Amino acid sequence: MKNRITQKQLADKLGVDEPEMSRILHYKIERYSIDRLVGYLEVLYPKMSFKLFAA
């Protein structure tokens, strides 16, 4: 919402369909691997750097 991008536009950018995008936006992410979610993050924020730590 903040970036004024529609769910459809976001889905297209990530290469997923709208129902899948809806699941992600509503935090229903248990079916996705960390690698897959990080891949989406890299597409949306290519200059961002981050570290993952195991708990």
N, C-alpha and C. Protein backbone atom coordinates (compact mmCIF):
# COMPACT_ATOMS: atom_id res chain seq x y z
N MET A 1 0.82 -1.20 0.00
CA MET A 1 0.00 0.00 0.00
C MET A 1 0.87 1.26 0.00
N LYS A 2 1.91 1.23 0.82
CA LYS A 2 2.78 2.39 0.95
C LYS A 2 3.39 2.79 -0.39
N ASN A 3 3.75 1.80 -1.19
CA ASN A 3 4.39 2.07 -2.48
C ASN A 3 3.41 2.18 -3.63
N ARG A 4 2.12 2.08 -3.31
CA ARG A 4 1.05 2.22 -4.31
C ARG A 4 1.22 1.23 -5.47
N ILE A 5 1.48 -0.01 -5.13
CA ILE A 5 1.59 -1.06 -6.13
C ILE A 5 0.46 -2.05 -5.85
N THR A 6 -0.19 -2.50 -6.89
CA THR A 6 -1.30 -3.42 -6.69
C THR A 6 -0.77 -4.83 -6.41
N GLN A 7 -1.63 -5.65 -5.88
CA GLN A 7 -1.28 -7.04 -5.63
C GLN A 7 -0.91 -7.73 -6.94
N LYS A 8 -1.62 -7.43 -8.00
CA LYS A 8 -1.34 -8.01 -9.32
C LYS A 8 0.04 -7.58 -9.80
N GLN A 9 0.37 -6.31 -9.68
CA GLN A 9 1.68 -5.81 -10.11
C GLN A 9 2.80 -6.46 -9.30
N LEU A 10 2.59 -6.61 -8.02
CA LEU A 10 3.58 -7.24 -7.16
C LEU A 10 3.75 -8.70 -7.52
N ALA A 11 2.65 -9.39 -7.78
CA ALA A 11 2.70 -10.79 -8.19
C ALA A 11 3.48 -10.93 -9.50
N ASP A 12 3.21 -10.05 -10.45
CA ASP A 12 3.92 -10.09 -11.73
C ASP A 12 5.42 -9.88 -11.53
N LYS A 13 5.78 -8.95 -10.66
CA LYS A 13 7.19 -8.65 -10.41
C LYS A 13 7.91 -9.84 -9.80
N LEU A 14 7.21 -10.60 -8.95
CA LEU A 14 7.82 -11.75 -8.29
C LEU A 14 7.65 -13.04 -9.10
N GLY A 15 6.84 -12.99 -10.14
CA GLY A 15 6.63 -14.17 -10.97
C GLY A 15 5.73 -15.20 -10.33
N VAL A 16 4.75 -14.73 -9.56
CA VAL A 16 3.79 -15.64 -8.93
C VAL A 16 2.38 -15.22 -9.35
N ASP A 17 1.39 -16.09 -9.06
CA ASP A 17 0.02 -15.71 -9.39
C ASP A 17 -0.59 -14.93 -8.21
N GLU A 18 -1.73 -14.33 -8.45
CA GLU A 18 -2.36 -13.49 -7.42
C GLU A 18 -2.76 -14.25 -6.15
N PRO A 19 -3.31 -15.48 -6.26
CA PRO A 19 -3.63 -16.20 -5.02
C PRO A 19 -2.38 -16.46 -4.16
N GLU A 20 -1.27 -16.78 -4.82
CA GLU A 20 -0.03 -17.00 -4.08
C GLU A 20 0.45 -15.70 -3.44
N MET A 21 0.34 -14.60 -4.16
CA MET A 21 0.73 -13.30 -3.61
C MET A 21 -0.13 -12.96 -2.41
N SER A 22 -1.41 -13.25 -2.47
CA SER A 22 -2.31 -12.99 -1.36
C SER A 22 -1.89 -13.79 -0.13
N ARG A 23 -1.53 -15.05 -0.32
CA ARG A 23 -1.07 -15.87 0.81
C ARG A 23 0.16 -15.24 1.47
N ILE A 24 1.09 -14.79 0.66
CA ILE A 24 2.31 -14.18 1.19
C ILE A 24 1.98 -12.90 1.94
N LEU A 25 1.14 -12.07 1.36
CA LEU A 25 0.79 -10.79 1.98
C LEU A 25 0.01 -10.95 3.28
N HIS A 26 -0.64 -12.09 3.43
CA HIS A 26 -1.40 -12.36 4.65
C HIS A 26 -0.65 -13.30 5.59
N TYR A 27 0.69 -13.37 5.40
CA TYR A 27 1.60 -14.12 6.28
C TYR A 27 1.30 -15.61 6.35
N LYS A 28 0.70 -16.16 5.33
CA LYS A 28 0.47 -17.62 5.28
C LYS A 28 1.67 -18.22 4.53
N ILE A 29 2.82 -18.18 5.19
CA ILE A 29 4.08 -18.50 4.53
C ILE A 29 4.68 -19.83 4.95
N GLU A 30 3.95 -20.62 5.72
CA GLU A 30 4.51 -21.89 6.20
C GLU A 30 4.83 -22.85 5.06
N ARG A 31 4.24 -22.66 3.90
CA ARG A 31 4.49 -23.55 2.77
C ARG A 31 5.72 -23.14 1.95
N TYR A 32 6.35 -22.02 2.29
CA TYR A 32 7.49 -21.50 1.54
C TYR A 32 8.79 -21.71 2.30
N SER A 33 9.84 -22.04 1.57
CA SER A 33 11.15 -22.18 2.20
C SER A 33 11.75 -20.79 2.45
N ILE A 34 12.70 -20.76 3.35
CA ILE A 34 13.41 -19.50 3.61
C ILE A 34 14.10 -19.03 2.33
N ASP A 35 14.68 -19.95 1.58
CA ASP A 35 15.34 -19.59 0.33
C ASP A 35 14.39 -18.89 -0.64
N ARG A 36 13.20 -19.41 -0.72
CA ARG A 36 12.21 -18.83 -1.64
C ARG A 36 11.79 -17.43 -1.18
N LEU A 37 11.55 -17.27 0.11
CA LEU A 37 11.16 -15.96 0.63
C LEU A 37 12.29 -14.95 0.50
N VAL A 38 13.52 -15.39 0.74
CA VAL A 38 14.68 -14.51 0.57
C VAL A 38 14.82 -14.13 -0.91
N GLY A 39 14.54 -15.05 -1.81
CA GLY A 39 14.57 -14.73 -3.23
C GLY A 39 13.59 -13.63 -3.59
N TYR A 40 12.40 -13.69 -3.02
CA TYR A 40 11.41 -12.63 -3.25
C TYR A 40 11.92 -11.30 -2.70
N LEU A 41 12.53 -11.34 -1.53
CA LEU A 41 13.08 -10.13 -0.92
C LEU A 41 14.16 -9.52 -1.81
N GLU A 42 15.01 -10.37 -2.38
CA GLU A 42 16.08 -9.89 -3.25
C GLU A 42 15.53 -9.23 -4.52
N VAL A 43 14.41 -9.73 -5.02
CA VAL A 43 13.79 -9.12 -6.20
C VAL A 43 13.24 -7.73 -5.84
N LEU A 44 12.62 -7.63 -4.69
CA LEU A 44 12.00 -6.36 -4.29
C LEU A 44 13.00 -5.33 -3.81
N TYR A 45 14.06 -5.78 -3.14
CA TYR A 45 15.05 -4.88 -2.55
C TYR A 45 16.46 -5.37 -2.91
N PRO A 46 16.88 -5.20 -4.16
CA PRO A 46 18.15 -5.76 -4.61
C PRO A 46 19.39 -5.21 -3.90
N LYS A 47 19.32 -4.02 -3.35
CA LYS A 47 20.49 -3.42 -2.67
C LYS A 47 20.53 -3.72 -1.18
N MET A 48 19.51 -4.39 -0.67
CA MET A 48 19.43 -4.68 0.75
C MET A 48 20.38 -5.83 1.10
N SER A 49 21.02 -5.71 2.24
CA SER A 49 21.83 -6.83 2.73
C SER A 49 21.28 -7.25 4.08
N PHE A 50 21.38 -8.53 4.37
CA PHE A 50 20.85 -9.05 5.62
C PHE A 50 21.56 -10.34 5.97
N LYS A 51 21.43 -10.73 7.22
CA LYS A 51 22.02 -11.98 7.70
C LYS A 51 20.93 -12.76 8.39
N LEU A 52 20.93 -14.07 8.17
CA LEU A 52 19.99 -14.96 8.83
C LEU A 52 20.75 -15.75 9.89
N PHE A 53 20.18 -15.82 11.07
CA PHE A 53 20.78 -16.58 12.16
C PHE A 53 19.80 -17.65 12.62
N ALA A 54 20.31 -18.82 12.87
CA ALA A 54 19.47 -19.90 13.40
C ALA A 54 19.24 -19.66 14.88
N ALA A 55 18.02 -19.91 15.31
CA ALA A 55 17.70 -19.71 16.73
C ALA A 55 17.95 -20.96 17.51
